[in-house]
Amino acid sequence: MVAMFIFAAVVTATPTATATATPTPTPRPTVASMTAPMPGANSETYGRKIPFQLREQNGEVIETEPTPEPPPNSLAAVAARIKLNRQGNAPIRYVDLHPSKPPAWLDPNWKPGPDAPEYVSKVHMQAEGDDGVLVYFALAAADTHITRGQGHLVLTISQGWRDLYRLERDVVPAEFEELNIGVGAFEHRTMAFSTGRISFTQFRDWPYREVTTAKVSFTRPDGKNFTGSDSMLLEPRPRAQ
């Protein structure tokens, strides 16, 4: 009787072994799983690329790729060009002074004399009627006297980021002439190059009523370049339909 009681106590006190669950490691995300389309989402939302161009980790470093350039005619590309133009940082093509084949107007043997132009003294733009403008510019020598010049001219007329007109040509000293400029007490004679009347029909697009800028870039035969500009409020008539 005592033996049976002891055996029953031993059986009761012996703990029952329980199964221990082994933790399952979380699988590491892969590029394929990260780029897989979400349910109900267009699989081409990101062009099957990971947003921000993230890639798998290599040790402690996250490898990245540069964001692709937007297509030239996309809204993003156009907006970027507009922003650069407004900031004055847009690349504008003028004369390349170091091309693979030098332009014909560059003369390595040309030597500047005492009357050679050293800077643009003045640029002036004025309205010619309500559908045209006139631009002239004067050059000055090192001692500040007004002079004639031989070289290459690039004239651009623009409104903000819109380039409306461009003239590019060679210029010879004989094309500089005596002109009366100024109004009233400020009228005086000077020597300048005049473009003549430029009709708005020669513009790439009809101008708006806003501030318009004429910029002159003049390059001597030896490659020395100087610039000048003038701005005015243009008030064109409505464009004929």
Protein backbone atom coordinates (compact mmCIF):
# COMPACT_ATOMS: atom_id res chain seq x y z
CA MET A 1 0.00 0.00 0.00
CA VAL A 2 2.84 2.37 0.93
CA ALA A 3 4.78 1.33 -2.21
CA MET A 4 1.81 2.15 -4.46
CA PHE A 5 1.45 5.61 -2.83
CA ILE A 6 5.18 6.40 -3.38
CA PHE A 7 5.00 5.29 -7.07
CA ALA A 8 1.94 7.45 -7.68
CA ALA A 9 3.67 10.50 -6.13
CA VAL A 10 6.76 10.00 -8.33
CA VAL A 11 4.64 9.75 -11.47
CA THR A 12 2.73 12.91 -10.53
CA ALA A 13 5.90 14.95 -9.84
CA THR A 14 7.67 14.01 -13.12
CA PRO A 15 7.25 16.98 -15.61
CA THR A 16 5.97 16.28 -19.08
CA ALA A 17 8.34 17.34 -21.91
CA THR A 18 6.91 20.05 -24.20
CA ALA A 19 7.98 20.85 -27.78
CA THR A 20 9.97 24.09 -28.21
CA ALA A 21 9.24 26.13 -31.38
CA THR A 22 12.36 27.06 -33.40
CA PRO A 23 12.11 30.67 -34.67
CA THR A 24 11.97 30.89 -38.44
CA PRO A 25 14.41 33.56 -39.84
CA THR A 26 12.73 36.38 -41.75
CA PRO A 27 13.75 36.15 -45.40
CA ARG A 28 15.80 39.10 -46.65
CA PRO A 29 13.92 41.20 -49.23
CA THR A 30 15.25 40.93 -52.75
CA VAL A 31 15.17 43.32 -55.68
CA ALA A 32 12.56 41.14 -57.36
CA SER A 33 10.24 41.29 -54.34
CA MET A 34 10.75 45.04 -53.95
CA THR A 35 9.97 45.75 -57.60
CA ALA A 36 6.95 43.44 -57.78
CA PRO A 37 3.74 45.40 -58.47
CA MET A 38 1.39 45.90 -55.55
CA PRO A 39 -2.10 44.40 -55.82
CA GLY A 40 -4.30 46.64 -57.90
CA ALA A 41 -1.39 48.90 -58.98
CA ASN A 42 -0.08 49.36 -62.50
CA SER A 43 3.11 47.34 -62.87
CA GLU A 44 4.64 50.18 -64.89
CA THR A 45 4.04 52.85 -62.24
CA TYR A 46 7.79 53.20 -61.69
CA GLY A 47 8.85 51.65 -64.96
CA ARG A 48 9.65 48.50 -62.95
CA LYS A 49 12.35 50.47 -61.10
CA ILE A 50 12.63 50.90 -57.36
CA PRO A 51 11.63 54.41 -56.23
CA PHE A 52 14.71 56.56 -55.43
CA GLN A 53 16.80 53.95 -57.27
CA LEU A 54 17.51 51.82 -54.16
CA ARG A 55 19.37 48.56 -54.63
CA GLU A 56 20.26 45.62 -52.38
CA GLN A 57 22.69 46.30 -49.56
CA ASN A 58 26.32 45.34 -50.04
CA GLY A 59 27.58 45.08 -46.47
CA GLU A 60 26.75 48.46 -44.92
CA VAL A 61 26.69 50.36 -48.24
CA ILE A 62 23.53 50.98 -50.23
CA GLU A 63 24.40 51.12 -53.89
CA THR A 64 22.57 53.77 -55.89
CA GLU A 65 22.16 54.67 -59.54
CA PRO A 66 21.63 58.19 -60.90
CA THR A 67 18.05 59.06 -61.77
CA PRO A 68 17.58 58.73 -65.56
CA GLU A 69 17.26 61.94 -67.59
CA PRO A 70 13.65 62.73 -68.51
CA PRO A 71 12.78 62.56 -72.23
CA PRO A 72 13.63 65.89 -73.97
CA ASN A 73 9.99 66.65 -74.81
CA SER A 74 8.51 65.62 -71.46
CA LEU A 75 6.91 68.15 -69.12
CA ALA A 76 9.70 67.60 -66.58
CA ALA A 77 12.42 68.38 -69.14
CA VAL A 78 10.62 71.48 -70.42
CA ALA A 79 10.09 72.74 -66.86
CA ALA A 80 13.80 72.22 -66.10
CA ARG A 81 14.82 74.23 -69.18
CA ILE A 82 12.41 77.05 -68.27
CA LYS A 83 13.87 77.18 -64.74
CA LEU A 84 17.44 77.35 -66.05
CA ASN A 85 16.54 80.13 -68.51
CA ARG A 86 14.85 82.18 -65.80
CA GLN A 87 17.94 81.82 -63.61
CA GLY A 88 20.19 82.81 -66.48
CA ASN A 89 22.01 79.46 -66.36
CA ALA A 90 20.70 77.95 -69.55
CA PRO A 91 23.43 77.15 -72.07
CA ILE A 92 23.04 79.58 -75.01
CA ARG A 93 24.96 78.79 -78.16
CA TYR A 94 27.09 81.67 -79.29
CA VAL A 95 30.33 81.68 -81.22
CA ASP A 96 32.65 78.76 -80.49
CA LEU A 97 36.12 80.27 -80.33
CA HIS A 98 37.84 76.89 -80.25
CA PRO A 99 36.09 74.70 -82.85
CA SER A 100 37.78 71.83 -84.64
CA LYS A 101 37.76 74.04 -87.75
CA PRO A 102 38.07 77.77 -86.96
CA PRO A 103 35.41 79.98 -88.57
CA ALA A 104 36.49 82.01 -91.59
CA TRP A 105 36.18 85.35 -89.79
CA LEU A 106 38.88 84.46 -87.22
CA ASP A 107 42.28 85.78 -88.32
CA PRO A 108 45.29 84.69 -86.21
CA ASN A 109 47.42 87.32 -87.96
CA TRP A 110 45.11 90.23 -87.09
CA LYS A 111 46.72 92.72 -84.70
CA PRO A 112 44.65 95.36 -82.84
CA GLY A 113 45.60 98.97 -83.49
CA PRO A 114 44.94 102.05 -81.31
CA ASP A 115 41.40 102.34 -82.72
CA ALA A 116 40.53 98.68 -82.22
CA PRO A 117 37.34 98.16 -80.20
CA GLU A 118 37.81 97.00 -76.62
CA TYR A 119 34.21 96.97 -75.33
CA VAL A 120 30.59 97.64 -76.27
CA SER A 121 29.96 101.26 -75.28
CA LYS A 122 26.20 101.30 -75.78
CA VAL A 123 23.31 99.14 -76.99
CA HIS A 124 19.97 100.77 -77.74
CA MET A 125 16.66 99.24 -78.78
CA GLN A 126 13.60 101.30 -79.70
CA ALA A 127 10.13 100.61 -81.06
CA GLU A 128 9.56 101.22 -84.74
CA GLY A 129 5.77 101.40 -84.94
CA ASP A 130 3.71 98.81 -83.09
CA ASP A 131 5.06 95.84 -85.05
CA GLY A 132 8.82 96.31 -85.18
CA VAL A 133 12.02 97.42 -83.41
CA LEU A 134 15.39 98.89 -84.28
CA VAL A 135 18.66 98.03 -82.52
CA TYR A 136 21.99 99.78 -82.75
CA PHE A 137 25.24 99.49 -80.81
CA ALA A 138 28.45 101.49 -80.48
CA LEU A 139 31.98 100.24 -79.83
CA ALA A 140 34.73 102.02 -77.91
CA ALA A 141 38.52 101.79 -77.94
CA ALA A 142 40.71 101.41 -74.89
CA ASP A 143 40.86 105.19 -74.34
CA THR A 144 37.00 105.30 -74.42
CA HIS A 145 36.60 107.08 -77.80
CA ILE A 146 33.87 105.69 -80.08
CA THR A 147 35.30 103.64 -82.91
CA ARG A 148 34.47 101.33 -85.79
CA GLY A 149 35.17 97.63 -85.67
CA GLN A 150 35.66 94.49 -87.70
CA GLY A 151 34.37 91.23 -86.31
CA HIS A 152 31.49 88.85 -85.84
CA LEU A 153 28.10 89.92 -84.49
CA VAL A 154 25.48 87.84 -82.67
CA LEU A 155 22.30 89.72 -81.77
CA THR A 156 19.49 88.08 -79.78
CA ILE A 157 16.13 89.56 -78.79
CA SER A 158 14.25 87.77 -76.02
CA GLN A 159 11.40 88.02 -73.53
CA GLY A 160 12.28 86.11 -70.38
CA TRP A 161 13.21 82.59 -71.44
CA ARG A 162 11.75 83.01 -74.97
CA ASP A 163 14.31 83.75 -77.68
CA LEU A 164 12.36 85.69 -80.31
CA TYR A 165 15.02 86.73 -82.79
CA ARG A 166 18.64 85.95 -83.65
CA LEU A 167 20.98 87.65 -86.11
CA GLU A 168 24.49 86.32 -86.74
CA ARG A 169 26.79 87.86 -89.35
CA ASP A 170 30.21 89.35 -90.04
CA VAL A 171 30.62 93.12 -89.66
CA VAL A 172 33.12 95.44 -91.38
CA PRO A 173 34.14 98.99 -90.28
CA ALA A 174 32.37 100.63 -93.25
CA GLU A 175 29.00 99.53 -91.81
CA PHE A 176 29.40 101.81 -88.77
CA GLU A 177 27.90 105.21 -89.55
CA GLU A 178 27.24 108.57 -87.93
CA LEU A 179 23.79 108.58 -86.28
CA ASN A 180 21.74 111.06 -84.28
CA ILE A 181 20.66 109.38 -81.05
CA GLY A 182 18.83 110.59 -77.97
CA VAL A 183 15.86 112.94 -77.64
CA GLY A 184 15.74 116.68 -76.94
CA ALA A 185 18.63 117.95 -74.85
CA PHE A 186 20.16 114.46 -74.87
CA GLU A 187 20.35 114.23 -78.68
CA HIS A 188 23.87 113.83 -80.03
CA ARG A 189 25.76 112.26 -82.89
CA THR A 190 27.73 109.08 -82.51
CA MET A 191 29.16 106.28 -84.61
CA ALA A 192 27.17 103.07 -84.42
CA PHE A 193 26.07 99.94 -86.24
CA SER A 194 22.33 99.81 -86.93
CA THR A 195 20.35 96.67 -87.68
CA GLY A 196 17.65 98.64 -89.47
CA ARG A 197 13.99 97.97 -88.73
CA ILE A 198 13.24 94.42 -87.60
CA SER A 199 9.59 93.48 -88.14
CA PHE A 200 7.84 91.19 -85.66
CA THR A 201 7.02 88.96 -88.63
CA GLN A 202 10.74 88.07 -88.58
CA PHE A 203 10.45 86.90 -84.97
CA ARG A 204 10.05 83.22 -84.14
CA ASP A 205 6.85 84.13 -82.28
CA TRP A 206 4.75 87.26 -81.85
CA PRO A 207 5.99 89.19 -78.78
CA TYR A 208 3.93 89.88 -75.67
CA ARG A 209 3.49 93.21 -73.93
CA GLU A 210 6.40 92.84 -71.54
CA VAL A 211 10.04 93.77 -70.98
CA THR A 212 12.16 92.77 -73.96
CA THR A 213 15.96 92.50 -74.04
CA ALA A 214 18.38 92.92 -76.95
CA LYS A 215 21.82 91.42 -76.35
CA VAL A 216 24.84 92.09 -78.54
CA SER A 217 27.87 89.78 -78.63
CA PHE A 218 30.77 91.14 -80.71
CA THR A 219 33.95 89.17 -81.39
CA ARG A 220 37.10 90.63 -82.95
CA PRO A 221 39.14 88.71 -85.56
CA ASP A 222 41.63 87.74 -82.83
CA GLY A 223 38.85 86.06 -80.82
CA LYS A 224 38.36 88.69 -78.10
CA ASN A 225 34.66 88.92 -77.25
CA PHE A 226 32.59 91.58 -75.50
CA THR A 227 28.87 92.02 -74.91
CA GLY A 228 26.23 94.61 -74.09
CA SER A 229 22.45 94.73 -73.75
CA ASP A 230 19.43 97.00 -73.51
CA SER A 231 15.86 96.37 -72.32
CA MET A 232 12.54 98.13 -72.91
CA LEU A 233 8.84 97.57 -72.40
CA LEU A 234 7.49 96.39 -75.73
CA GLU A 235 3.87 97.18 -76.54
CA PRO A 236 3.01 95.34 -79.77
CA ARG A 237 -0.30 95.51 -81.52
CA PRO A 238 -2.42 92.33 -81.46
CA ARG A 239 -1.29 89.76 -83.97
CA ALA A 240 -3.40 89.63 -87.12
CA GLN A 241 -5.41 86.43 -87.36
